[in-house]
Protein backbone atom coordinates (compact mmCIF):
# COMPACT_ATOMS: atom_id res chain seq x y z
CA MET A 1 -36.03 22.38 -6.21
CA LYS A 2 -35.79 18.99 -5.62
CA ALA A 3 -36.15 16.89 -2.57
CA SER A 4 -32.49 16.53 -2.19
CA ASP A 5 -31.95 19.92 -2.05
CA LYS A 6 -34.27 21.29 0.30
CA LYS A 7 -32.21 19.79 3.72
CA GLU A 8 -32.23 21.38 7.06
CA VAL A 9 -29.70 20.93 9.53
CA PHE A 10 -29.93 19.53 13.07
CA GLN A 11 -28.57 21.29 15.42
CA ILE A 12 -27.38 18.62 18.39
CA THR A 13 -27.05 20.14 22.23
CA CYS A 14 -25.07 17.81 24.74
CA ALA A 15 -26.96 17.83 27.93
CA HIS A 16 -24.02 17.62 30.15
CA CYS A 17 -21.37 19.54 28.54
CA HIS A 18 -23.42 22.17 26.39
CA PHE A 19 -21.77 21.43 23.53
CA LEU A 20 -23.77 22.63 20.44
CA LEU A 21 -23.42 20.43 16.92
CA TRP A 22 -24.90 21.33 13.22
CA VAL A 23 -25.16 18.02 11.36
CA ASP A 24 -26.28 18.31 7.90
CA PRO A 25 -28.66 15.14 7.78
CA VAL A 26 -27.21 13.97 4.00
CA THR A 27 -24.00 13.71 4.68
CA LYS A 28 -24.29 12.99 8.44
CA GLU A 29 -21.09 15.97 8.60
CA VAL A 30 -20.41 18.19 11.15
CA ILE A 31 -21.21 22.00 10.12
CA LYS A 32 -20.14 23.60 12.91
CA SER A 33 -19.28 22.92 16.17
CA GLU A 34 -19.73 25.60 19.24
CA LYS A 35 -18.85 25.42 22.89
CA GLY A 36 -21.77 25.80 24.95
CA GLU A 37 -22.52 27.83 27.74
CA ARG A 38 -23.17 26.18 31.39
CA LYS A 39 -25.28 27.33 33.84
CA LYS A 40 -23.53 28.35 36.97
CA ASP A 41 -25.06 27.13 40.43
CA SER A 42 -25.46 30.26 42.72
CA LEU A 43 -23.82 29.63 46.18
CA ASP A 44 -27.11 28.80 47.31
CA GLU A 45 -27.59 25.92 45.27
CA LEU A 46 -24.05 25.07 45.58
CA LEU A 47 -24.23 24.98 49.94
CA LEU A 48 -27.97 22.74 49.53
CA LYS A 49 -25.99 20.33 47.27
CA GLU A 50 -23.01 20.17 50.07
CA LYS A 51 -25.63 19.79 52.75
CA LYS A 52 -27.42 16.78 51.25
CA ARG A 53 -23.69 15.35 50.11
CA ILE A 54 -22.62 15.40 54.13
CA ASP A 55 -26.11 14.15 54.69
CA GLY A 56 -25.92 11.11 53.10
CA PHE A 57 -22.78 10.55 54.79
CA ASP A 58 -24.02 10.65 58.22
CA ARG A 59 -27.12 8.80 57.51
CA LYS A 60 -25.13 5.79 56.11
CA PHE A 61 -22.31 5.97 58.74
CA ASP A 62 -25.37 5.53 61.64
CA ALA A 63 -26.86 2.89 59.10
CA THR A 64 -23.71 0.92 59.45
CA ALA A 65 -22.63 1.57 63.00
CA GLU A 66 -26.28 0.17 63.86
CA LEU A 67 -25.58 -2.95 61.39
CA GLU A 68 -22.27 -3.52 63.20
CA LYS A 69 -23.88 -3.51 66.51
CA LYS A 70 -26.73 -5.46 65.32
CA LYS A 71 -23.45 -8.00 64.13
CA TRP A 72 -21.85 -7.82 67.74
CA ASN A 73 -25.45 -8.63 69.60
CA LYS A 74 -25.59 -11.73 67.39
CA VAL A 75 -22.09 -12.67 68.11
CA LYS A 76 -22.77 -12.73 71.32
CA GLU A 77 -25.60 -14.19 71.52
CA LYS A 78 -23.89 -17.24 70.09
CA PHE A 79 -21.36 -17.15 72.48
CA GLU A 80 -23.07 -17.06 75.31
CA LYS A 81 -25.28 -19.90 73.75
CA ALA A 82 -22.39 -21.87 73.16
CA LEU A 83 -20.75 -21.54 77.11
CA ASN A 84 -23.84 -22.63 78.80
CA GLU A 85 -23.54 -25.50 76.57
CA PHE A 86 -20.26 -25.51 77.17
CA ASP A 87 -21.21 -25.76 81.23
CA LYS A 88 -24.03 -27.49 80.79
CA ASP A 89 -21.79 -30.72 79.51
CA GLU A 90 -19.45 -30.59 82.40
């Protein structure tokens, strides 16, 4: 038996969609393909993911509100400073 006669077929699984491919290492051709089974999330896992997603929105909203408040305070300080300087000039 020659070394080229001895060949092993590679099985490749897509991490995202779980599609299965069997590839010939010599010719690099797909010998067989098959749709893989994807694990379904339980209801508890889905609810946990949704809660994390909503909490993320709340944190982003709070951070944005705080940033806007800081910007407003900075503008207010600059306005008051300019108004005070204007009063001094008169």
